[in-house]
Amino acid sequence: MGGAIHDKKSQMDYLNKRITMLVEVLDSIDPEEAGIEEIDRIIQMLDDLEFKCKQFRNEWSTQGED
């Protein structure tokens, strides 16, 4: 998804897009047909989102020290 994102607005836009993508994936899953692969995909998306949130949080905390 491109290069580094350093400003807060771009970071929030990034998170919003990723959350929207997650919701779209959830909406597209047929509960009667879903299996382990779908659950693993959701878990991976959540893990990626958590990683980015922590990364952005760390950047925000260091920006406040300037």
PDB file of N, CA and C in Angstrom:
ATOM      1  N   MET A   1       0.815  -1.215   0.000  1.00  0.00           N
ATOM      2  CA  MET A   1       0.000   0.000   0.000  1.00  0.00           C
ATOM      3  C   MET A   1       0.845   1.261   0.000  1.00  0.00           C
ATOM      4  N   GLY A   2       1.945   1.288  -0.684  1.00  0.00           N
ATOM      5  CA  GLY A   2       2.694   2.528  -0.811  1.00  0.00           C
ATOM      6  C   GLY A   2       3.790   2.692   0.218  1.00  0.00           C
ATOM      7  N   GLY A   3       4.269   3.941   0.320  1.00  0.00           N
ATOM      8  CA  GLY A   3       5.394   4.246   1.199  1.00  0.00           C
ATOM      9  C   GLY A   3       4.965   4.612   2.600  1.00  0.00           C
ATOM     10  N   ALA A   4       5.919   5.206   3.313  1.00  0.00           N
ATOM     11  CA  ALA A   4       5.690   5.586   4.700  1.00  0.00           C
ATOM     12  C   ALA A   4       4.668   6.712   4.799  1.00  0.00           C
ATOM     13  N   ILE A   5       3.871   6.641   5.848  1.00  0.00           N
ATOM     14  CA  ILE A   5       2.852   7.656   6.128  1.00  0.00           C
ATOM     15  C   ILE A   5       3.237   8.318   7.436  1.00  0.00           C
ATOM     16  N   HIS A   6       3.480   9.642   7.390  1.00  0.00           N
ATOM     17  CA  HIS A   6       3.974  10.292   8.599  1.00  0.00           C
ATOM     18  C   HIS A   6       3.022  11.322   9.205  1.00  0.00           C
ATOM     19  N   ASP A   7       2.149  11.928   8.413  1.00  0.00           N
ATOM     20  CA  ASP A   7       1.273  12.925   9.015  1.00  0.00           C
ATOM     21  C   ASP A   7       0.003  12.258   9.547  1.00  0.00           C
ATOM     22  N   LYS A   8      -0.536  12.840  10.609  1.00  0.00           N
ATOM     23  CA  LYS A   8      -1.665  12.234  11.325  1.00  0.00           C
ATOM     24  C   LYS A   8      -2.897  12.050  10.445  1.00  0.00           C
ATOM     25  N   LYS A   9      -3.190  13.024   9.592  1.00  0.00           N
ATOM     26  CA  LYS A   9      -4.380  12.899   8.738  1.00  0.00           C
ATOM     27  C   LYS A   9      -4.242  11.703   7.806  1.00  0.00           C
ATOM     28  N   SER A  10      -3.074  11.556   7.186  1.00  0.00           N
ATOM     29  CA  SER A  10      -2.849  10.424   6.279  1.00  0.00           C
ATOM     30  C   SER A  10      -2.919   9.099   7.034  1.00  0.00           C
ATOM     31  N   GLN A  11      -2.401   9.087   8.254  1.00  0.00           N
ATOM     32  CA  GLN A  11      -2.463   7.874   9.056  1.00  0.00           C
ATOM     33  C   GLN A  11      -3.912   7.508   9.391  1.00  0.00           C
ATOM     34  N   MET A  12      -4.699   8.503   9.758  1.00  0.00           N
ATOM     35  CA  MET A  12      -6.106   8.235  10.068  1.00  0.00           C
ATOM     36  C   MET A  12      -6.862   7.791   8.816  1.00  0.00           C
ATOM     37  N   ASP A  13      -6.560   8.397   7.672  1.00  0.00           N
ATOM     38  CA  ASP A  13      -7.173   7.973   6.412  1.00  0.00           C
ATOM     39  C   ASP A  13      -6.817   6.521   6.104  1.00  0.00           C
ATOM     40  N   TYR A  14      -5.558   6.179   6.317  1.00  0.00           N
ATOM     41  CA  TYR A  14      -5.096   4.808   6.095  1.00  0.00           C
ATOM     42  C   TYR A  14      -5.886   3.835   6.974  1.00  0.00           C
ATOM     43  N   LEU A  15      -5.989   4.140   8.277  1.00  0.00           N
ATOM     44  CA  LEU A  15      -6.713   3.265   9.191  1.00  0.00           C
ATOM     45  C   LEU A  15      -8.186   3.143   8.803  1.00  0.00           C
ATOM     46  N   ASN A  16      -8.777   4.252   8.413  1.00  0.00           N
ATOM     47  CA  ASN A  16     -10.177   4.233   7.994  1.00  0.00           C
ATOM     48  C   ASN A  16     -10.380   3.320   6.788  1.00  0.00           C
ATOM     49  N   LYS A  17      -9.476   3.402   5.820  1.00  0.00           N
ATOM     50  CA  LYS A  17      -9.578   2.552   4.630  1.00  0.00           C
ATOM     51  C   LYS A  17      -9.412   1.082   4.996  1.00  0.00           C
ATOM     52  N   ARG A  18      -8.471   0.800   5.892  1.00  0.00           N
ATOM     53  CA  ARG A  18      -8.254  -0.594   6.292  1.00  0.00           C
ATOM     54  C   ARG A  18      -9.454  -1.148   7.061  1.00  0.00           C
ATOM     55  N   ILE A  19     -10.067  -0.331   7.897  1.00  0.00           N
ATOM     56  CA  ILE A  19     -11.249  -0.771   8.633  1.00  0.00           C
ATOM     57  C   ILE A  19     -12.413  -0.992   7.672  1.00  0.00           C
ATOM     58  N   THR A  20     -12.562  -0.098   6.708  1.00  0.00           N
ATOM     59  CA  THR A  20     -13.606  -0.260   5.693  1.00  0.00           C
ATOM     60  C   THR A  20     -13.398  -1.563   4.922  1.00  0.00           C
ATOM     61  N   MET A  21     -12.150  -1.840   4.571  1.00  0.00           N
ATOM     62  CA  MET A  21     -11.823  -3.075   3.859  1.00  0.00           C
ATOM     63  C   MET A  21     -12.179  -4.294   4.705  1.00  0.00           C
ATOM     64  N   LEU A  22     -11.892  -4.246   5.998  1.00  0.00           N
ATOM     65  CA  LEU A  22     -12.217  -5.345   6.900  1.00  0.00           C
ATOM     66  C   LEU A  22     -13.731  -5.565   6.956  1.00  0.00           C
ATOM     67  N   VAL A  23     -14.480  -4.487   7.065  1.00  0.00           N
ATOM     68  CA  VAL A  23     -15.947  -4.591   7.106  1.00  0.00           C
ATOM     69  C   VAL A  23     -16.471  -5.198   5.802  1.00  0.00           C
ATOM     70  N   GLU A  24     -15.893  -4.795   4.677  1.00  0.00           N
ATOM     71  CA  GLU A  24     -16.316  -5.348   3.390  1.00  0.00           C
ATOM     72  C   GLU A  24     -16.034  -6.850   3.315  1.00  0.00           C
ATOM     73  N   VAL A  25     -14.885  -7.266   3.828  1.00  0.00           N
ATOM     74  CA  VAL A  25     -14.567  -8.694   3.860  1.00  0.00           C
ATOM     75  C   VAL A  25     -15.572  -9.428   4.736  1.00  0.00           C
ATOM     76  N   LEU A  26     -15.856  -8.881   5.915  1.00  0.00           N
ATOM     77  CA  LEU A  26     -16.829  -9.511   6.814  1.00  0.00           C
ATOM     78  C   LEU A  26     -18.206  -9.623   6.160  1.00  0.00           C
ATOM     79  N   ASP A  27     -18.619  -8.566   5.474  1.00  0.00           N
ATOM     80  CA  ASP A  27     -19.918  -8.569   4.810  1.00  0.00           C
ATOM     81  C   ASP A  27     -19.991  -9.592   3.676  1.00  0.00           C
ATOM     82  N   SER A  28     -18.847  -9.875   3.064  1.00  0.00           N
ATOM     83  CA  SER A  28     -18.840 -10.772   1.912  1.00  0.00           C
ATOM     84  C   SER A  28     -18.793 -12.253   2.290  1.00  0.00           C
ATOM     85  N   ILE A  29     -18.543 -12.540   3.552  1.00  0.00           N
ATOM     86  CA  ILE A  29     -18.419 -13.935   3.988  1.00  0.00           C
ATOM     87  C   ILE A  29     -19.796 -14.535   4.216  1.00  0.00           C
ATOM     88  N   ASP A  30     -20.031 -15.665   3.566  1.00  0.00           N
ATOM     89  CA  ASP A  30     -21.270 -16.412   3.764  1.00  0.00           C
ATOM     90  C   ASP A  30     -21.076 -17.292   4.999  1.00  0.00           C
ATOM     91  N   PRO A  31     -21.828 -17.037   6.074  1.00  0.00           N
ATOM     92  CA  PRO A  31     -21.617 -17.798   7.311  1.00  0.00           C
ATOM     93  C   PRO A  31     -21.852 -19.303   7.145  1.00  0.00           C
ATOM     94  N   GLU A  32     -22.665 -19.675   6.178  1.00  0.00           N
ATOM     95  CA  GLU A  32     -22.942 -21.095   5.952  1.00  0.00           C
ATOM     96  C   GLU A  32     -21.793 -21.791   5.225  1.00  0.00           C
ATOM     97  N   GLU A  33     -20.993 -21.013   4.511  1.00  0.00           N
ATOM     98  CA  GLU A  33     -19.902 -21.579   3.711  1.00  0.00           C
ATOM     99  C   GLU A  33     -18.527 -21.289   4.291  1.00  0.00           C
ATOM    100  N   ALA A  34     -18.438 -20.409   5.281  1.00  0.00           N
ATOM    101  CA  ALA A  34     -17.151 -19.968   5.820  1.00  0.00           C
ATOM    102  C   ALA A  34     -16.418 -21.104   6.521  1.00  0.00           C
ATOM    103  N   GLY A  35     -15.098 -21.013   6.420  1.00  0.00           N
ATOM    104  CA  GLY A  35     -14.270 -22.020   7.068  1.00  0.00           C
ATOM    105  C   GLY A  35     -13.102 -21.372   7.794  1.00  0.00           C
ATOM    106  N   ILE A  36     -12.149 -22.188   8.124  1.00  0.00           N
ATOM    107  CA  ILE A  36     -10.959 -21.751   8.850  1.00  0.00           C
ATOM    108  C   ILE A  36     -10.203 -20.677   8.066  1.00  0.00           C
ATOM    109  N   GLU A  37     -10.141 -20.800   6.757  1.00  0.00           N
ATOM    110  CA  GLU A  37      -9.402 -19.836   5.936  1.00  0.00           C
ATOM    111  C   GLU A  37      -9.950 -18.426   6.103  1.00  0.00           C
ATOM    112  N   GLU A  38     -11.261 -18.297   6.145  1.00  0.00           N
ATOM    113  CA  GLU A  38     -11.874 -16.979   6.319  1.00  0.00           C
ATOM    114  C   GLU A  38     -11.556 -16.401   7.699  1.00  0.00           C
ATOM    115  N   ILE A  39     -11.622 -17.230   8.702  1.00  0.00           N
ATOM    116  CA  ILE A  39     -11.289 -16.772  10.058  1.00  0.00           C
ATOM    117  C   ILE A  39      -9.821 -16.355  10.122  1.00  0.00           C
ATOM    118  N   ASP A  40      -8.947 -17.150   9.515  1.00  0.00           N
ATOM    119  CA  ASP A  40      -7.524 -16.803   9.498  1.00  0.00           C
ATOM    120  C   ASP A  40      -7.281 -15.486   8.770  1.00  0.00           C
ATOM    121  N   ARG A  41      -8.011 -15.252   7.692  1.00  0.00           N
ATOM    122  CA  ARG A  41      -7.869 -13.995   6.949  1.00  0.00           C
ATOM    123  C   ARG A  41      -8.298 -12.807   7.811  1.00  0.00           C
ATOM    124  N   ILE A  42      -9.392 -12.938   8.525  1.00  0.00           N
ATOM    125  CA  ILE A  42      -9.876 -11.868   9.414  1.00  0.00           C
ATOM    126  C   ILE A  42      -8.855 -11.617  10.524  1.00  0.00           C
ATOM    127  N   ILE A  43      -8.334 -12.676  11.106  1.00  0.00           N
ATOM    128  CA  ILE A  43      -7.334 -12.529  12.164  1.00  0.00           C
ATOM    129  C   ILE A  43      -6.108 -11.804  11.634  1.00  0.00           C
ATOM    130  N   GLN A  44      -5.654 -12.157  10.435  1.00  0.00           N
ATOM    131  CA  GLN A  44      -4.476 -11.501   9.857  1.00  0.00           C
ATOM    132  C   GLN A  44      -4.745 -10.020   9.606  1.00  0.00           C
ATOM    133  N   MET A  45      -5.934  -9.696   9.120  1.00  0.00           N
ATOM    134  CA  MET A  45      -6.282  -8.298   8.886  1.00  0.00           C
ATOM    135  C   MET A  45      -6.298  -7.526  10.209  1.00  0.00           C
ATOM    136  N   LEU A  46      -6.842  -8.131  11.250  1.00  0.00           N
ATOM    137  CA  LEU A  46      -6.863  -7.483  12.570  1.00  0.00           C
ATOM    138  C   LEU A  46      -5.455  -7.306  13.124  1.00  0.00           C
ATOM    139  N   ASP A  47      -4.619  -8.321  12.941  1.00  0.00           N
ATOM    140  CA  ASP A  47      -3.226  -8.219  13.393  1.00  0.00           C
ATOM    141  C   ASP A  47      -2.493  -7.089  12.665  1.00  0.00           C
ATOM    142  N   ASP A  48      -2.704  -6.992  11.349  1.00  0.00           N
ATOM    143  CA  ASP A  48      -2.072  -5.927  10.567  1.00  0.00           C
ATOM    144  C   ASP A  48      -2.556  -4.555  11.036  1.00  0.00           C
ATOM    145  N   LEU A  49      -3.849  -4.455  11.297  1.00  0.00           N
ATOM    146  CA  LEU A  49      -4.424  -3.200  11.763  1.00  0.00           C
ATOM    147  C   LEU A  49      -3.865  -2.828  13.139  1.00  0.00           C
ATOM    148  N   GLU A  50      -3.749  -3.800  14.020  1.00  0.00           N
ATOM    149  CA  GLU A  50      -3.182  -3.544  15.347  1.00  0.00           C
ATOM    150  C   GLU A  50      -1.730  -3.073  15.229  1.00  0.00           C
ATOM    151  N   PHE A  51      -0.952  -3.709  14.358  1.00  0.00           N
ATOM    152  CA  PHE A  51       0.439  -3.319  14.156  1.00  0.00           C
ATOM    153  C   PHE A  51       0.541  -1.864  13.709  1.00  0.00           C
ATOM    154  N   LYS A  52      -0.293  -1.474  12.734  1.00  0.00           N
ATOM    155  CA  LYS A  52      -0.262  -0.103  12.234  1.00  0.00           C
ATOM    156  C   LYS A  52      -0.696   0.884  13.308  1.00  0.00           C
ATOM    157  N   CYS A  53      -1.717   0.544  14.080  1.00  0.00           N
ATOM    158  CA  CYS A  53      -2.166   1.429  15.160  1.00  0.00           C
ATOM    159  C   CYS A  53      -1.043   1.660  16.167  1.00  0.00           C
ATOM    160  N   LYS A  54      -0.343   0.612  16.522  1.00  0.00           N
ATOM    161  CA  LYS A  54       0.764   0.752  17.469  1.00  0.00           C
ATOM    162  C   LYS A  54       1.895   1.571  16.861  1.00  0.00           C
ATOM    163  N   GLN A  55       2.175   1.353  15.593  1.00  0.00           N
ATOM    164  CA  GLN A  55       3.214   2.118  14.912  1.00  0.00           C
ATOM    165  C   GLN A  55       2.853   3.603  14.894  1.00  0.00           C
ATOM    166  N   PHE A  56       1.617   3.916  14.532  1.00  0.00           N
ATOM    167  CA  PHE A  56       1.184   5.313  14.489  1.00  0.00           C
ATOM    168  C   PHE A  56       1.195   5.920  15.890  1.00  0.00           C
ATOM    169  N   ARG A  57       0.766   5.159  16.886  1.00  0.00           N
ATOM    170  CA  ARG A  57       0.769   5.647  18.268  1.00  0.00           C
ATOM    171  C   ARG A  57       2.187   6.013  18.696  1.00  0.00           C
ATOM    172  N   ASN A  58       3.138   5.167  18.360  1.00  0.00           N
ATOM    173  CA  ASN A  58       4.531   5.455  18.703  1.00  0.00           C
ATOM    174  C   ASN A  58       5.021   6.715  18.007  1.00  0.00           C
ATOM    175  N   GLU A  59       4.667   6.892  16.749  1.00  0.00           N
ATOM    176  CA  GLU A  59       5.056   8.098  16.021  1.00  0.00           C
ATOM    177  C   GLU A  59       4.414   9.334  16.639  1.00  0.00           C
ATOM    178  N   TRP A  60       3.157   9.238  17.027  1.00  0.00           N
ATOM    179  CA  TRP A  60       2.464  10.370  17.620  1.00  0.00           C
ATOM    180  C   TRP A  60       3.102  10.753  18.953  1.00  0.00           C
ATOM    181  N   SER A  61       3.500   9.741  19.723  1.00  0.00           N
ATOM    182  CA  SER A  61       4.098  10.062  21.029  1.00  0.00           C
ATOM    183  C   SER A  61       5.469  10.708  20.867  1.00  0.00           C
ATOM    184  N   THR A  62       6.214  10.328  19.834  1.00  0.00           N
ATOM    185  CA  THR A  62       7.528  10.954  19.612  1.00  0.00           C
ATOM    186  C   THR A  62       7.384  12.331  18.976  1.00  0.00           C
ATOM    187  N   GLN A  63       6.311  12.555  18.225  1.00  0.00           N
ATOM    188  CA  GLN A  63       6.069  13.876  17.630  1.00  0.00           C
ATOM    189  C   GLN A  63       5.775  14.909  18.725  1.00  0.00           C
ATOM    190  N   GLY A  64       5.165  14.471  19.802  1.00  0.00           N
ATOM    191  CA  GLY A  64       4.836  15.373  20.897  1.00  0.00           C
ATOM    192  C   GLY A  64       6.067  15.834  21.679  1.00  0.00           C
ATOM    193  N   GLU A  65       7.179  15.135  21.478  1.00  0.00           N
ATOM    194  CA  GLU A  65       8.410  15.483  22.201  1.00  0.00           C
ATOM    195  C   GLU A  65       9.223  16.551  21.510  1.00  0.00           C
ATOM    196  N   ASP A  66       8.880  16.879  20.264  1.00  0.00           N
ATOM    197  CA  ASP A  66       9.653  17.886  19.505  1.00  0.00           C
ATOM    198  C   ASP A  66       9.512  19.277  20.058  1.00  0.00           C
TER     199      ASP A  66
END
